[in-house]
Amino acid sequence: MLTGQKEKFDQIIFLIEGSFKVGYNREFFLFENGVKSASELGKVFVQRKTKIPLLSSFKHEESDIAEHKFEFPLTIRPGQAIGLFELTFNQESSYIYRNAHDDSSVCYFVRLQNWHRLIQETDSLSDISKAFKKYALSDYLNKIYYPITLHQNQLVKKERQK
């Protein structure tokens, strides 16, 4: 797993080969949106919002349980950047990012300190900085946020019909 929900990125990943899955904790999402109660979940999801169980906390033998609790509706393909929005706007990750397969992916990365230095250098070039931040926001909304939100809305609708 690259990062979990409510965690900070420490680098931007530029995916060259392979793929990553983007998802969220299904059970916590349903609880947080009032679709399921804590008693229905039967787990410790009545914790503070920052204490969300991560996929890496499940052992390999419990992978079926982990797969049921986590939804990964989105696949990131080569050419996309992972963590660009989060680092540019200093945000925690809203989603879980993990390698799509057990095999390794080929990636380049820019560490947090280097990224902030680059952003500070371009702040003096306000037109370039504004255009880049607009791109980072648009890319995140169109390729990650909207597709996952659409999936989550369908999940809520399906759960409420039960």
C-alpha atoms as a PDB file:
ATOM      1  CA  MET A   1       0.000   0.000   0.000  1.00  0.00           C
ATOM      2  CA  LEU A   2       1.276   3.429  -0.891  1.00  0.00           C
ATOM      3  CA  THR A   3      -0.867   5.474   1.493  1.00  0.00           C
ATOM      4  CA  GLY A   4      -4.038   5.167   3.519  1.00  0.00           C
ATOM      5  CA  GLN A   5      -6.976   7.435   4.163  1.00  0.00           C
ATOM      6  CA  LYS A   6      -6.241  10.485   6.314  1.00  0.00           C
ATOM      7  CA  GLU A   7      -2.480  10.080   5.782  1.00  0.00           C
ATOM      8  CA  LYS A   8      -0.134  12.659   4.315  1.00  0.00           C
ATOM      9  CA  PHE A   9       1.845  11.992   1.171  1.00  0.00           C
ATOM     10  CA  ASP A  10       5.594  12.498   1.446  1.00  0.00           C
ATOM     11  CA  GLN A  11       6.230  12.312  -2.298  1.00  0.00           C
ATOM     12  CA  ILE A  12       4.591  12.597  -5.692  1.00  0.00           C
ATOM     13  CA  ILE A  13       4.684   9.386  -7.689  1.00  0.00           C
ATOM     14  CA  PHE A  14       4.854   9.533 -11.479  1.00  0.00           C
ATOM     15  CA  LEU A  15       3.700   6.139 -12.723  1.00  0.00           C
ATOM     16  CA  ILE A  16       5.689   4.848 -15.721  1.00  0.00           C
ATOM     17  CA  GLU A  17       4.730   1.144 -15.834  1.00  0.00           C
ATOM     18  CA  GLY A  18       2.160  -0.893 -13.938  1.00  0.00           C
ATOM     19  CA  SER A  19      -1.001   0.370 -12.276  1.00  0.00           C
ATOM     20  CA  PHE A  20      -2.342   1.482  -8.918  1.00  0.00           C
ATOM     21  CA  LYS A  21      -5.788   1.022  -7.426  1.00  0.00           C
ATOM     22  CA  VAL A  22      -7.523   3.893  -5.654  1.00  0.00           C
ATOM     23  CA  GLY A  23     -10.193   3.176  -3.087  1.00  0.00           C
ATOM     24  CA  TYR A  24     -11.602   3.740   0.357  1.00  0.00           C
ATOM     25  CA  ASN A  25     -12.717   1.946   3.494  1.00  0.00           C
ATOM     26  CA  ARG A  26     -16.217   0.813   2.501  1.00  0.00           C
ATOM     27  CA  GLU A  27     -17.517   0.088   5.982  1.00  0.00           C
ATOM     28  CA  PHE A  28     -16.315   3.379   7.440  1.00  0.00           C
ATOM     29  CA  PHE A  29     -17.765   5.300   4.479  1.00  0.00           C
ATOM     30  CA  LEU A  30     -21.205   3.729   5.036  1.00  0.00           C
ATOM     31  CA  PHE A  31     -20.992   4.456   8.763  1.00  0.00           C
ATOM     32  CA  GLU A  32     -19.853   8.039   8.200  1.00  0.00           C
ATOM     33  CA  ASN A  33     -22.774   8.659   5.818  1.00  0.00           C
ATOM     34  CA  GLY A  34     -25.375   7.224   8.175  1.00  0.00           C
ATOM     35  CA  VAL A  35     -26.165   4.194   6.035  1.00  0.00           C
ATOM     36  CA  LYS A  36     -24.969   1.730   8.666  1.00  0.00           C
ATOM     37  CA  SER A  37     -24.850   2.061  12.426  1.00  0.00           C
ATOM     38  CA  ALA A  38     -21.923   1.080  14.622  1.00  0.00           C
ATOM     39  CA  SER A  39     -23.829  -1.963  15.878  1.00  0.00           C
ATOM     40  CA  GLU A  40     -24.372  -3.153  12.296  1.00  0.00           C
ATOM     41  CA  LEU A  41     -20.667  -2.961  11.632  1.00  0.00           C
ATOM     42  CA  GLY A  42     -19.816  -4.851  14.791  1.00  0.00           C
ATOM     43  CA  LYS A  43     -16.328  -3.344  14.811  1.00  0.00           C
ATOM     44  CA  VAL A  44     -14.478  -0.446  16.315  1.00  0.00           C
ATOM     45  CA  PHE A  45     -15.550   2.133  13.745  1.00  0.00           C
ATOM     46  CA  VAL A  46     -16.847   4.499  16.402  1.00  0.00           C
ATOM     47  CA  GLN A  47     -13.363   5.898  16.687  1.00  0.00           C
ATOM     48  CA  ARG A  48     -12.212   9.369  15.878  1.00  0.00           C
ATOM     49  CA  LYS A  49     -12.240  10.028  12.147  1.00  0.00           C
ATOM     50  CA  THR A  50      -8.440  10.066  12.075  1.00  0.00           C
ATOM     51  CA  LYS A  51      -8.265   6.505  13.382  1.00  0.00           C
ATOM     52  CA  ILE A  52      -9.367   4.598  10.283  1.00  0.00           C
ATOM     53  CA  PRO A  53      -8.148   1.000   9.947  1.00  0.00           C
ATOM     54  CA  LEU A  54      -5.747   0.742   7.039  1.00  0.00           C
ATOM     55  CA  LEU A  55      -5.418  -2.028   4.498  1.00  0.00           C
ATOM     56  CA  SER A  56      -1.857  -2.727   5.626  1.00  0.00           C
ATOM     57  CA  SER A  57      -3.127  -3.605   9.105  1.00  0.00           C
ATOM     58  CA  PHE A  58      -4.762  -6.787   7.802  1.00  0.00           C
ATOM     59  CA  LYS A  59      -2.721  -9.973   7.625  1.00  0.00           C
ATOM     60  CA  HIS A  60      -2.341 -11.875   4.363  1.00  0.00           C
ATOM     61  CA  GLU A  61      -4.646 -14.685   5.562  1.00  0.00           C
ATOM     62  CA  GLU A  62      -7.404 -12.149   6.138  1.00  0.00           C
ATOM     63  CA  SER A  63      -7.232 -10.771   2.603  1.00  0.00           C
ATOM     64  CA  ASP A  64     -10.823 -11.838   1.868  1.00  0.00           C
ATOM     65  CA  ILE A  65     -12.013  -9.784   4.848  1.00  0.00           C
ATOM     66  CA  ALA A  66      -9.849  -6.841   3.791  1.00  0.00           C
ATOM     67  CA  GLU A  67     -11.123  -7.010   0.206  1.00  0.00           C
ATOM     68  CA  HIS A  68     -14.721  -6.940   1.459  1.00  0.00           C
ATOM     69  CA  LYS A  69     -14.099  -3.898   3.666  1.00  0.00           C
ATOM     70  CA  PHE A  70     -12.262  -1.887   1.043  1.00  0.00           C
ATOM     71  CA  GLU A  71     -13.521  -0.748  -2.334  1.00  0.00           C
ATOM     72  CA  PHE A  72     -11.050  -0.005  -5.138  1.00  0.00           C
ATOM     73  CA  PRO A  73     -13.208   1.255  -8.019  1.00  0.00           C
ATOM     74  CA  LEU A  74     -10.498   3.234  -9.789  1.00  0.00           C
ATOM     75  CA  THR A  75      -7.269   2.229 -11.529  1.00  0.00           C
ATOM     76  CA  ILE A  76      -4.452   4.675 -12.166  1.00  0.00           C
ATOM     77  CA  ARG A  77      -2.579   3.954 -15.378  1.00  0.00           C
ATOM     78  CA  PRO A  78       0.910   5.002 -16.510  1.00  0.00           C
ATOM     79  CA  GLY A  79       1.261   8.704 -17.157  1.00  0.00           C
ATOM     80  CA  GLN A  80      -0.701   9.809 -14.111  1.00  0.00           C
ATOM     81  CA  ALA A  81       0.728  11.407 -10.991  1.00  0.00           C
ATOM     82  CA  ILE A  82      -0.187  10.116  -7.540  1.00  0.00           C
ATOM     83  CA  GLY A  83      -0.190  12.638  -4.698  1.00  0.00           C
ATOM     84  CA  LEU A  84       0.121  15.728  -6.906  1.00  0.00           C
ATOM     85  CA  PHE A  85      -3.042  17.358  -5.543  1.00  0.00           C
ATOM     86  CA  GLU A  86      -2.330  16.407  -1.948  1.00  0.00           C
ATOM     87  CA  LEU A  87       1.213  17.806  -1.926  1.00  0.00           C
ATOM     88  CA  THR A  88       0.406  20.909  -3.957  1.00  0.00           C
ATOM     89  CA  PHE A  89      -2.443  21.904  -1.633  1.00  0.00           C
ATOM     90  CA  ASN A  90      -1.004  20.327   1.555  1.00  0.00           C
ATOM     91  CA  GLN A  91      -3.939  17.919   2.002  1.00  0.00           C
ATOM     92  CA  GLU A  92      -4.259  14.528   3.640  1.00  0.00           C
ATOM     93  CA  SER A  93      -5.137  11.663   1.351  1.00  0.00           C
ATOM     94  CA  SER A  94      -8.869  11.083   1.076  1.00  0.00           C
ATOM     95  CA  TYR A  95      -8.342   7.650  -0.443  1.00  0.00           C
ATOM     96  CA  ILE A  96      -6.227   4.521  -0.225  1.00  0.00           C
ATOM     97  CA  TYR A  97      -3.638   3.975  -2.953  1.00  0.00           C
ATOM     98  CA  ARG A  98      -2.159   0.532  -3.519  1.00  0.00           C
ATOM     99  CA  ASN A  99      -0.334  -1.372  -6.225  1.00  0.00           C
ATOM    100  CA  ALA A 100      -2.888  -3.084  -8.474  1.00  0.00           C
ATOM    101  CA  HIS A 101      -0.896  -6.310  -8.663  1.00  0.00           C
ATOM    102  CA  ASP A 102       1.673  -8.007  -6.476  1.00  0.00           C
ATOM    103  CA  ASP A 103       4.343  -7.219  -9.046  1.00  0.00           C
ATOM    104  CA  SER A 104       6.237  -3.981  -8.827  1.00  0.00           C
ATOM    105  CA  SER A 105       5.515  -0.825 -10.768  1.00  0.00           C
ATOM    106  CA  VAL A 106       8.079   1.482 -12.327  1.00  0.00           C
ATOM    107  CA  CYS A 107       7.778   5.001 -10.960  1.00  0.00           C
ATOM    108  CA  TYR A 108       9.679   8.229 -10.601  1.00  0.00           C
ATOM    109  CA  PHE A 109       9.071  10.403  -7.592  1.00  0.00           C
ATOM    110  CA  VAL A 110       9.644  13.878  -6.199  1.00  0.00           C
ATOM    111  CA  ARG A 111      10.010  14.123  -2.434  1.00  0.00           C
ATOM    112  CA  LEU A 112       7.998  16.563  -0.305  1.00  0.00           C
ATOM    113  CA  GLN A 113      10.848  18.992   0.422  1.00  0.00           C
ATOM    114  CA  ASN A 114      11.862  19.215  -3.231  1.00  0.00           C
ATOM    115  CA  TRP A 115       8.257  19.721  -4.292  1.00  0.00           C
ATOM    116  CA  HIS A 116       7.699  22.576  -1.840  1.00  0.00           C
ATOM    117  CA  ARG A 117      10.948  24.200  -2.985  1.00  0.00           C
ATOM    118  CA  LEU A 118       9.763  23.964  -6.604  1.00  0.00           C
ATOM    119  CA  ILE A 119       6.368  25.461  -5.723  1.00  0.00           C
ATOM    120  CA  GLN A 120       8.029  28.332  -3.838  1.00  0.00           C
ATOM    121  CA  GLU A 121      10.294  29.051  -6.804  1.00  0.00           C
ATOM    122  CA  THR A 122       7.345  29.231  -9.196  1.00  0.00           C
ATOM    123  CA  ASP A 123       5.282  31.428  -6.868  1.00  0.00           C
ATOM    124  CA  SER A 124       7.274  34.374  -8.172  1.00  0.00           C
ATOM    125  CA  LEU A 125       6.027  33.417 -11.645  1.00  0.00           C
ATOM    126  CA  SER A 126       2.400  33.860 -10.663  1.00  0.00           C
ATOM    127  CA  ASP A 127       0.891  32.982 -14.063  1.00  0.00           C
ATOM    128  CA  ILE A 128       2.745  29.672 -14.216  1.00  0.00           C
ATOM    129  CA  SER A 129       1.986  28.901 -10.575  1.00  0.00           C
ATOM    130  CA  LYS A 130      -1.738  29.614 -10.964  1.00  0.00           C
ATOM    131  CA  ALA A 131      -1.967  27.551 -14.150  1.00  0.00           C
ATOM    132  CA  PHE A 132      -0.161  24.625 -12.543  1.00  0.00           C
ATOM    133  CA  LYS A 133      -2.287  24.667  -9.391  1.00  0.00           C
ATOM    134  CA  LYS A 134      -5.397  24.843 -11.556  1.00  0.00           C
ATOM    135  CA  TYR A 135      -4.147  21.812 -13.517  1.00  0.00           C
ATOM    136  CA  ALA A 136      -3.389  19.849 -10.320  1.00  0.00           C
ATOM    137  CA  LEU A 137      -6.898  20.556  -8.990  1.00  0.00           C
ATOM    138  CA  SER A 138      -8.626  19.770 -12.297  1.00  0.00           C
ATOM    139  CA  ASP A 139      -6.644  16.553 -12.771  1.00  0.00           C
ATOM    140  CA  TYR A 140      -7.495  15.343  -9.260  1.00  0.00           C
ATOM    141  CA  LEU A 141     -11.196  16.215  -9.563  1.00  0.00           C
ATOM    142  CA  ASN A 142     -11.674  14.640 -12.994  1.00  0.00           C
ATOM    143  CA  LYS A 143      -9.514  11.525 -12.629  1.00  0.00           C
ATOM    144  CA  ILE A 144      -9.926  10.616  -8.954  1.00  0.00           C
ATOM    145  CA  TYR A 145     -12.493  12.565  -6.935  1.00  0.00           C
ATOM    146  CA  TYR A 146     -15.509  12.555  -9.309  1.00  0.00           C
ATOM    147  CA  PRO A 147     -15.209   8.879 -10.378  1.00  0.00           C
ATOM    148  CA  ILE A 148     -14.901   7.674  -6.775  1.00  0.00           C
ATOM    149  CA  THR A 149     -17.683   9.980  -5.566  1.00  0.00           C
ATOM    150  CA  LEU A 150     -19.953   8.610  -8.301  1.00  0.00           C
ATOM    151  CA  HIS A 151     -19.107   5.064  -7.161  1.00  0.00           C
ATOM    152  CA  GLN A 152     -19.772   5.996  -3.516  1.00  0.00           C
ATOM    153  CA  ASN A 153     -23.137   7.553  -4.396  1.00  0.00           C
ATOM    154  CA  GLN A 154     -24.136   4.355  -6.213  1.00  0.00           C
ATOM    155  CA  LEU A 155     -23.038   2.318  -3.176  1.00  0.00           C
ATOM    156  CA  VAL A 156     -25.131   4.463  -0.798  1.00  0.00           C
ATOM    157  CA  LYS A 157     -28.158   4.178  -3.087  1.00  0.00           C
ATOM    158  CA  LYS A 158     -27.743   0.404  -3.313  1.00  0.00           C
ATOM    159  CA  GLU A 159     -27.317   0.017   0.474  1.00  0.00           C
ATOM    160  CA  ARG A 160     -30.374   2.161   1.248  1.00  0.00           C
ATOM    161  CA  GLN A 161     -32.519   0.032  -1.074  1.00  0.00           C
ATOM    162  CA  LYS A 162     -31.724  -3.082   0.985  1.00  0.00           C
END
